Amino acid sequence: MCFRIRSHEIAGLAALGEPARRALYFYVVGRQEQVGRDEAARAVGVSRGLAGFHLDRLVEEGLLEASFRRLSGRAGPGAGRPAKLYRRSSRQIDVSLPQRSYELAARILAAAIAASEAPKARKALTRSARSIGKQIGAETRERAGSPSGRKGLLAGMVAALAANGYEPEPAAGEIRLRNCPFHALVSEHQEVVCGMNLALIEGVVEGLQLPAAKPVLALAPGMCCVCVELETK
């Protein structure tokens, strides 16, 4: 049996093997706004020059994207040079040995559901997503122990969503999800994917027995289509 390894993807992952570079990468992707060299250097405790070297290497490997902007907000003579700012790349890297194509299978299944005129197909997807989410939530609640207060269950929900790639970010009265684990499918099958996301996270909340959390559709650029609203007491 033979298989082809996509060397550029392995090189991208290998770039994260250096500890300082890896720390810089995770700092940048953990920020909503673009990050400059000075901020990144302070955050991980390295010099500005070393931070710049590693950040530019991450750009070369396609893991980060860079742009230039004057931080002073001024223009013209005396405004200073534009700063180089870094943000998460839209590039997706998946490596498996031997090579698999789970994304292709997902695209085929999503296309079949989207093309189906039978309501049963969409309903079956919703039921399956909610059932799996409910199992995730129930297992999270069990690990948290019973009885577990609202604060502990919310922390469990955040951990469960993080473990499944949603990158949850608590905010005032809500939990925003900074990443869609199924992003590669969204451009072609947004309605199907967003419906599946909503049902899955509704199941997580149900399994946790956490009525204070309410998943809702909230489309926003660069974010998951679902946001979890929280009851404030």
C-alpha atoms as a PDB file:
ATOM      1  CA  MET A   1       0.000   0.000   0.000  1.00  0.00           C
ATOM      2  CA  CYS A   2       1.298   3.459  -0.845  1.00  0.00           C
ATOM      3  CA  PHE A   3       0.103   6.885   0.213  1.00  0.00           C
ATOM      4  CA  ARG A   4       1.032  10.467  -0.473  1.00  0.00           C
ATOM      5  CA  ILE A   5       2.075  12.781   2.360  1.00  0.00           C
ATOM      6  CA  ARG A   6       1.408  16.473   1.793  1.00  0.00           C
ATOM      7  CA  SER A   7       4.802  17.828   2.752  1.00  0.00           C
ATOM      8  CA  HIS A   8       3.688  21.459   3.066  1.00  0.00           C
ATOM      9  CA  GLU A   9       1.159  20.496   5.742  1.00  0.00           C
ATOM     10  CA  ILE A  10       3.736  18.542   7.721  1.00  0.00           C
ATOM     11  CA  ALA A  11       6.129  21.497   7.416  1.00  0.00           C
ATOM     12  CA  GLY A  12       3.426  23.765   8.803  1.00  0.00           C
ATOM     13  CA  LEU A  13       2.969  21.547  11.843  1.00  0.00           C
ATOM     14  CA  ALA A  14       6.725  21.119  12.259  1.00  0.00           C
ATOM     15  CA  ALA A  15       7.041  24.898  12.528  1.00  0.00           C
ATOM     16  CA  LEU A  16       5.194  24.670  15.843  1.00  0.00           C
ATOM     17  CA  GLY A  17       7.803  22.336  17.305  1.00  0.00           C
ATOM     18  CA  GLU A  18       9.903  25.255  18.601  1.00  0.00           C
ATOM     19  CA  PRO A  19       8.514  26.196  22.065  1.00  0.00           C
ATOM     20  CA  ALA A  20       8.709  30.002  21.732  1.00  0.00           C
ATOM     21  CA  ARG A  21       7.193  29.901  18.254  1.00  0.00           C
ATOM     22  CA  ARG A  22       4.401  27.660  19.482  1.00  0.00           C
ATOM     23  CA  ALA A  23       3.684  30.011  22.384  1.00  0.00           C
ATOM     24  CA  LEU A  24       3.537  32.984  20.024  1.00  0.00           C
ATOM     25  CA  TYR A  25       1.190  31.133  17.689  1.00  0.00           C
ATOM     26  CA  PHE A  26      -1.255  30.223  20.424  1.00  0.00           C
ATOM     27  CA  TYR A  27      -1.137  33.738  21.831  1.00  0.00           C
ATOM     28  CA  VAL A  28      -2.012  35.286  18.470  1.00  0.00           C
ATOM     29  CA  VAL A  29      -4.832  32.872  17.660  1.00  0.00           C
ATOM     30  CA  GLY A  30      -6.238  33.373  21.146  1.00  0.00           C
ATOM     31  CA  ARG A  31      -6.726  37.083  20.520  1.00  0.00           C
ATOM     32  CA  GLN A  32      -9.700  38.496  18.649  1.00  0.00           C
ATOM     33  CA  GLU A  33      -7.819  41.515  17.340  1.00  0.00           C
ATOM     34  CA  GLN A  34      -4.576  41.629  15.403  1.00  0.00           C
ATOM     35  CA  VAL A  35      -1.385  41.444  17.457  1.00  0.00           C
ATOM     36  CA  GLY A  36       1.818  43.456  17.061  1.00  0.00           C
ATOM     37  CA  ARG A  37       5.350  42.234  17.741  1.00  0.00           C
ATOM     38  CA  ASP A  38       5.766  44.203  20.968  1.00  0.00           C
ATOM     39  CA  GLU A  39       2.587  42.814  22.510  1.00  0.00           C
ATOM     40  CA  ALA A  40       3.371  39.256  21.447  1.00  0.00           C
ATOM     41  CA  ALA A  41       6.935  39.493  22.758  1.00  0.00           C
ATOM     42  CA  ARG A  42       5.773  40.737  26.175  1.00  0.00           C
ATOM     43  CA  ALA A  43       3.073  38.070  26.370  1.00  0.00           C
ATOM     44  CA  VAL A  44       5.438  35.127  25.964  1.00  0.00           C
ATOM     45  CA  GLY A  45       8.551  36.677  27.521  1.00  0.00           C
ATOM     46  CA  VAL A  46      10.921  36.917  24.552  1.00  0.00           C
ATOM     47  CA  SER A  47      12.685  39.808  22.848  1.00  0.00           C
ATOM     48  CA  ARG A  48      10.948  41.815  20.145  1.00  0.00           C
ATOM     49  CA  GLY A  49      13.471  40.674  17.545  1.00  0.00           C
ATOM     50  CA  LEU A  50      13.013  37.004  18.390  1.00  0.00           C
ATOM     51  CA  ALA A  51       9.234  37.399  18.389  1.00  0.00           C
ATOM     52  CA  GLY A  52       9.399  39.012  14.940  1.00  0.00           C
ATOM     53  CA  PHE A  53      11.554  36.179  13.603  1.00  0.00           C
ATOM     54  CA  HIS A  54       9.164  33.483  14.813  1.00  0.00           C
ATOM     55  CA  LEU A  55       6.017  35.363  13.784  1.00  0.00           C
ATOM     56  CA  ASP A  56       7.349  35.867  10.270  1.00  0.00           C
ATOM     57  CA  ARG A  57       8.239  32.173  10.081  1.00  0.00           C
ATOM     58  CA  LEU A  58       4.644  31.344  11.004  1.00  0.00           C
ATOM     59  CA  VAL A  59       3.476  33.647   8.219  1.00  0.00           C
ATOM     60  CA  GLU A  60       5.792  31.866   5.754  1.00  0.00           C
ATOM     61  CA  GLU A  61       4.297  28.528   6.751  1.00  0.00           C
ATOM     62  CA  GLY A  62       0.755  29.854   6.289  1.00  0.00           C
ATOM     63  CA  LEU A  63      -0.193  29.521   9.955  1.00  0.00           C
ATOM     64  CA  LEU A  64      -0.545  33.283  10.476  1.00  0.00           C
ATOM     65  CA  GLU A  65      -1.371  36.216   8.208  1.00  0.00           C
ATOM     66  CA  ALA A  66       0.244  39.652   8.419  1.00  0.00           C
ATOM     67  CA  SER A  67      -0.859  43.168   7.547  1.00  0.00           C
ATOM     68  CA  PHE A  68       0.417  46.691   8.164  1.00  0.00           C
ATOM     69  CA  ARG A  69      -1.384  49.494   9.998  1.00  0.00           C
ATOM     70  CA  ARG A  70      -0.424  52.681  11.817  1.00  0.00           C
ATOM     71  CA  LEU A  71      -1.328  52.166  15.458  1.00  0.00           C
ATOM     72  CA  SER A  72      -1.332  55.918  16.150  1.00  0.00           C
ATOM     73  CA  GLY A  73      -4.355  56.422  13.911  1.00  0.00           C
ATOM     74  CA  ARG A  74      -2.579  59.369  12.238  1.00  0.00           C
ATOM     75  CA  ALA A  75      -1.590  59.666   8.599  1.00  0.00           C
ATOM     76  CA  GLY A  76       0.934  61.707   6.674  1.00  0.00           C
ATOM     77  CA  PRO A  77       4.393  62.988   7.671  1.00  0.00           C
ATOM     78  CA  GLY A  78       5.290  62.361  11.295  1.00  0.00           C
ATOM     79  CA  ALA A  79       2.707  59.582  11.717  1.00  0.00           C
ATOM     80  CA  GLY A  80       5.420  56.957  11.960  1.00  0.00           C
ATOM     81  CA  ARG A  81       5.873  53.707  10.107  1.00  0.00           C
ATOM     82  CA  PRO A  82       2.977  51.252   9.927  1.00  0.00           C
ATOM     83  CA  ALA A  83       3.254  48.383  12.411  1.00  0.00           C
ATOM     84  CA  LYS A  84       3.248  44.793  11.251  1.00  0.00           C
ATOM     85  CA  LEU A  85       0.277  43.007  12.771  1.00  0.00           C
ATOM     86  CA  TYR A  86      -0.493  39.295  12.907  1.00  0.00           C
ATOM     87  CA  ARG A  87      -3.701  37.281  12.995  1.00  0.00           C
ATOM     88  CA  ARG A  88      -4.821  33.701  12.584  1.00  0.00           C
ATOM     89  CA  SER A  89      -4.602  32.334   9.055  1.00  0.00           C
ATOM     90  CA  SER A  90      -7.673  30.962   7.313  1.00  0.00           C
ATOM     91  CA  ARG A  91      -5.572  28.003   6.190  1.00  0.00           C
ATOM     92  CA  GLN A  92      -6.600  24.624   7.563  1.00  0.00           C
ATOM     93  CA  ILE A  93      -4.064  21.873   8.154  1.00  0.00           C
ATOM     94  CA  ASP A  94      -5.042  18.235   8.526  1.00  0.00           C
ATOM     95  CA  VAL A  95      -2.437  15.486   8.553  1.00  0.00           C
ATOM     96  CA  SER A  96      -3.120  11.787   9.010  1.00  0.00           C
ATOM     97  CA  LEU A  97      -0.925   8.778   8.315  1.00  0.00           C
ATOM     98  CA  PRO A  98      -1.989   7.006   6.207  1.00  0.00           C
ATOM     99  CA  GLN A  99      -3.816   9.867   4.507  1.00  0.00           C
ATOM    100  CA  ARG A 100      -7.581   9.997   5.088  1.00  0.00           C
ATOM    101  CA  SER A 101     -10.175  12.376   3.681  1.00  0.00           C
ATOM    102  CA  TYR A 102     -12.826  12.838   6.338  1.00  0.00           C
ATOM    103  CA  GLU A 103     -13.548  16.313   4.984  1.00  0.00           C
ATOM    104  CA  LEU A 104     -14.476  14.811   1.604  1.00  0.00           C
ATOM    105  CA  ALA A 105     -16.840  12.367   3.286  1.00  0.00           C
ATOM    106  CA  ALA A 106     -18.387  15.238   5.249  1.00  0.00           C
ATOM    107  CA  ARG A 107     -18.831  17.297   2.069  1.00  0.00           C
ATOM    108  CA  ILE A 108     -20.566  14.372   0.339  1.00  0.00           C
ATOM    109  CA  LEU A 109     -22.908  13.814   3.273  1.00  0.00           C
ATOM    110  CA  ALA A 110     -23.666  17.527   3.648  1.00  0.00           C
ATOM    111  CA  ALA A 111     -24.363  17.816  -0.084  1.00  0.00           C
ATOM    112  CA  ALA A 112     -26.724  14.834   0.059  1.00  0.00           C
ATOM    113  CA  ILE A 113     -28.657  16.339   2.966  1.00  0.00           C
ATOM    114  CA  ALA A 114     -28.787  19.774   1.335  1.00  0.00           C
ATOM    115  CA  ALA A 115     -30.063  18.289  -1.928  1.00  0.00           C
ATOM    116  CA  SER A 116     -32.650  16.063  -0.293  1.00  0.00           C
ATOM    117  CA  GLU A 117     -36.223  17.257  -0.633  1.00  0.00           C
ATOM    118  CA  ALA A 118     -37.359  14.926   2.133  1.00  0.00           C
ATOM    119  CA  PRO A 119     -37.772  16.766   5.483  1.00  0.00           C
ATOM    120  CA  LYS A 120     -36.870  13.505   7.185  1.00  0.00           C
ATOM    121  CA  ALA A 121     -33.216  13.936   6.192  1.00  0.00           C
ATOM    122  CA  ARG A 122     -32.875  17.300   7.969  1.00  0.00           C
ATOM    123  CA  LYS A 123     -34.797  16.026  10.970  1.00  0.00           C
ATOM    124  CA  ALA A 124     -32.571  12.960  11.200  1.00  0.00           C
ATOM    125  CA  LEU A 125     -29.463  15.187  11.136  1.00  0.00           C
ATOM    126  CA  THR A 126     -30.894  17.402  13.881  1.00  0.00           C
ATOM    127  CA  ARG A 127     -31.806  14.400  16.037  1.00  0.00           C
ATOM    128  CA  SER A 128     -28.383  12.827  15.616  1.00  0.00           C
ATOM    129  CA  ALA A 129     -26.504  16.053  16.367  1.00  0.00           C
ATOM    130  CA  ARG A 130     -28.618  16.754  19.453  1.00  0.00           C
ATOM    131  CA  SER A 131     -28.246  13.181  20.682  1.00  0.00           C
ATOM    132  CA  ILE A 132     -24.446  13.274  20.368  1.00  0.00           C
ATOM    133  CA  GLY A 133     -24.355  16.699  22.029  1.00  0.00           C
ATOM    134  CA  LYS A 134     -26.528  15.400  24.861  1.00  0.00           C
ATOM    135  CA  GLN A 135     -24.109  12.533  25.391  1.00  0.00           C
ATOM    136  CA  ILE A 136     -21.175  14.969  25.534  1.00  0.00           C
ATOM    137  CA  GLY A 137     -23.035  17.132  28.047  1.00  0.00           C
ATOM    138  CA  ALA A 138     -24.049  14.186  30.222  1.00  0.00           C
ATOM    139  CA  GLU A 139     -20.490  12.863  30.327  1.00  0.00           C
ATOM    140  CA  THR A 140     -19.232  16.340  31.233  1.00  0.00           C
ATOM    141  CA  ARG A 141     -21.776  16.614  34.046  1.00  0.00           C
ATOM    142  CA  GLU A 142     -20.787  13.182  35.353  1.00  0.00           C
ATOM    143  CA  ARG A 143     -17.122  14.176  35.451  1.00  0.00           C
ATOM    144  CA  ALA A 144     -18.032  17.382  37.300  1.00  0.00           C
ATOM    145  CA  GLY A 145     -19.775  15.368  40.005  1.00  0.00           C
ATOM    146  CA  SER A 146     -23.277  15.777  41.375  1.00  0.00           C
ATOM    147  CA  PRO A 147     -24.625  18.020  42.673  1.00  0.00           C
ATOM    148  CA  SER A 148     -22.687  20.671  40.756  1.00  0.00           C
ATOM    149  CA  GLY A 149     -23.583  24.337  40.917  1.00  0.00           C
ATOM    150  CA  ARG A 150     -24.324  26.633  37.991  1.00  0.00           C
ATOM    151  CA  LYS A 151     -20.763  27.962  37.941  1.00  0.00           C
ATOM    152  CA  GLY A 152     -19.274  24.482  37.766  1.00  0.00           C
ATOM    153  CA  LEU A 153     -21.643  23.388  34.994  1.00  0.00           C
ATOM    154  CA  LEU A 154     -20.887  26.512  32.965  1.00  0.00           C
ATOM    155  CA  ALA A 155     -17.179  25.780  33.320  1.00  0.00           C
ATOM    156  CA  GLY A 156     -17.882  22.227  32.191  1.00  0.00           C
ATOM    157  CA  MET A 157     -19.772  23.480  29.146  1.00  0.00           C
ATOM    158  CA  VAL A 158     -16.892  25.786  28.199  1.00  0.00           C
ATOM    159  CA  ALA A 159     -14.439  22.889  28.571  1.00  0.00           C
ATOM    160  CA  ALA A 160     -16.625  20.573  26.473  1.00  0.00           C
ATOM    161  CA  LEU A 161     -16.995  23.140  23.696  1.00  0.00           C
ATOM    162  CA  ALA A 162     -13.250  23.842  23.769  1.00  0.00           C
ATOM    163  CA  ALA A 163     -12.463  20.128  23.544  1.00  0.00           C
ATOM    164  CA  ASN A 164     -14.578  19.946  20.391  1.00  0.00           C
ATOM    165  CA  GLY A 165     -12.902  22.870  18.658  1.00  0.00           C
ATOM    166  CA  TYR A 166     -15.342  25.741  19.235  1.00  0.00           C
ATOM    167  CA  GLU A 167     -12.867  28.003  21.061  1.00  0.00           C
ATOM    168  CA  PRO A 168     -15.434  29.394  23.526  1.00  0.00           C
ATOM    169  CA  GLU A 169     -14.887  32.914  24.833  1.00  0.00           C
ATOM    170  CA  PRO A 170     -16.979  34.013  27.834  1.00  0.00           C
ATOM    171  CA  ALA A 171     -18.307  37.558  27.492  1.00  0.00           C
ATOM    172  CA  ALA A 172     -20.940  39.684  29.212  1.00  0.00           C
ATOM    173  CA  GLY A 173     -24.100  37.575  29.332  1.00  0.00           C
ATOM    174  CA  GLU A 174     -22.980  35.106  26.665  1.00  0.00           C
ATOM    175  CA  ILE A 175     -20.359  32.681  25.463  1.00  0.00           C
ATOM    176  CA  ARG A 176     -19.060  33.420  21.992  1.00  0.00           C
ATOM    177  CA  LEU A 177     -17.623  30.630  19.874  1.00  0.00           C
ATOM    178  CA  ARG A 178     -14.573  31.886  17.997  1.00  0.00           C
ATOM    179  CA  ASN A 179     -14.213  28.866  15.717  1.00  0.00           C
ATOM    180  CA  CYS A 180     -16.474  26.561  13.733  1.00  0.00           C
ATOM    181  CA  PRO A 181     -15.062  23.008  13.731  1.00  0.00           C
ATOM    182  CA  PHE A 182     -16.851  22.450  10.419  1.00  0.00           C
ATOM    183  CA  HIS A 183     -15.660  25.647   8.741  1.00  0.00           C
ATOM    184  CA  ALA A 184     -14.578  23.877   5.536  1.00  0.00           C
ATOM    185  CA  LEU A 185     -18.221  22.976   4.859  1.00  0.00           C
ATOM    186  CA  VAL A 186     -19.811  26.327   5.646  1.00  0.00           C
ATOM    187  CA  SER A 187     -19.245  28.065   2.306  1.00  0.00           C
ATOM    188  CA  GLU A 188     -21.067  25.314   0.419  1.00  0.00           C
ATOM    189  CA  HIS A 189     -23.638  24.182   2.974  1.00  0.00           C
ATOM    190  CA  GLN A 190     -24.118  26.938   5.541  1.00  0.00           C
ATOM    191  CA  GLU A 191     -27.733  26.140   6.374  1.00  0.00           C
ATOM    192  CA  VAL A 192     -26.993  22.469   6.966  1.00  0.00           C
ATOM    193  CA  VAL A 193     -23.864  23.137   9.018  1.00  0.00           C
ATOM    194  CA  CYS A 194     -25.388  25.896  11.140  1.00  0.00           C
ATOM    195  CA  GLY A 195     -28.435  23.762  11.888  1.00  0.00           C
ATOM    196  CA  MET A 196     -26.166  20.900  12.927  1.00  0.00           C
ATOM    197  CA  ASN A 197     -24.060  23.203  15.119  1.00  0.00           C
ATOM    198  CA  LEU A 198     -27.139  24.560  16.874  1.00  0.00           C
ATOM    199  CA  ALA A 199     -28.606  21.102  17.516  1.00  0.00           C
ATOM    200  CA  LEU A 200     -25.272  19.755  18.786  1.00  0.00           C
ATOM    201  CA  ILE A 201     -24.776  22.584  21.270  1.00  0.00           C
ATOM    202  CA  GLU A 202     -28.419  22.422  22.356  1.00  0.00           C
ATOM    203  CA  GLY A 203     -27.747  18.770  23.144  1.00  0.00           C
ATOM    204  CA  VAL A 204     -24.654  19.667  25.189  1.00  0.00           C
ATOM    205  CA  VAL A 205     -26.736  22.112  27.261  1.00  0.00           C
ATOM    206  CA  GLU A 206     -29.504  19.539  27.692  1.00  0.00           C
ATOM    207  CA  GLY A 207     -27.067  16.835  28.756  1.00  0.00           C
ATOM    208  CA  LEU A 208     -25.525  19.195  31.300  1.00  0.00           C
ATOM    209  CA  GLN A 209     -29.010  20.051  32.628  1.00  0.00           C
ATOM    210  CA  LEU A 210     -28.134  23.703  32.370  1.00  0.00           C
ATOM    211  CA  PRO A 211     -31.289  25.731  31.605  1.00  0.00           C
ATOM    212  CA  ALA A 212     -29.414  28.984  32.271  1.00  0.00           C
ATOM    213  CA  ALA A 213     -27.673  28.557  28.894  1.00  0.00           C
ATOM    214  CA  LYS A 214     -29.505  29.025  25.601  1.00  0.00           C
ATOM    215  CA  PRO A 215     -27.761  28.351  22.267  1.00  0.00           C
ATOM    216  CA  VAL A 216     -28.994  30.664  19.490  1.00  0.00           C
ATOM    217  CA  LEU A 217     -28.028  31.355  15.895  1.00  0.00           C
ATOM    218  CA  ALA A 218     -25.945  34.538  15.734  1.00  0.00           C
ATOM    219  CA  LEU A 219     -24.047  34.902  12.479  1.00  0.00           C
ATOM    220  CA  ALA A 220     -20.896  37.017  12.798  1.00  0.00           C
ATOM    221  CA  PRO A 221     -17.776  37.244  10.612  1.00  0.00           C
ATOM    222  CA  GLY A 222     -14.989  34.945  11.746  1.00  0.00           C
ATOM    223  CA  MET A 223     -17.122  33.279  14.414  1.00  0.00           C
ATOM    224  CA  CYS A 224     -19.212  30.136  14.744  1.00  0.00           C
ATOM    225  CA  CYS A 225     -22.836  30.673  13.734  1.00  0.00           C
ATOM    226  CA  VAL A 226     -23.975  29.780  17.270  1.00  0.00           C
ATOM    227  CA  CYS A 227     -23.699  31.868  20.432  1.00  0.00           C
ATOM    228  CA  VAL A 228     -24.708  30.678  23.906  1.00  0.00           C
ATOM    229  CA  GLU A 229     -26.773  33.234  25.780  1.00  0.00           C
ATOM    230  CA  LEU A 230     -26.615  33.112  29.569  1.00  0.00           C
ATOM    231  CA  GLU A 231     -29.289  34.039  32.076  1.00  0.00           C
ATOM    232  CA  THR A 232     -28.016  36.700  34.431  1.00  0.00           C
ATOM    233  CA  LYS A 233     -29.123  36.522  38.039  1.00  0.00           C
END
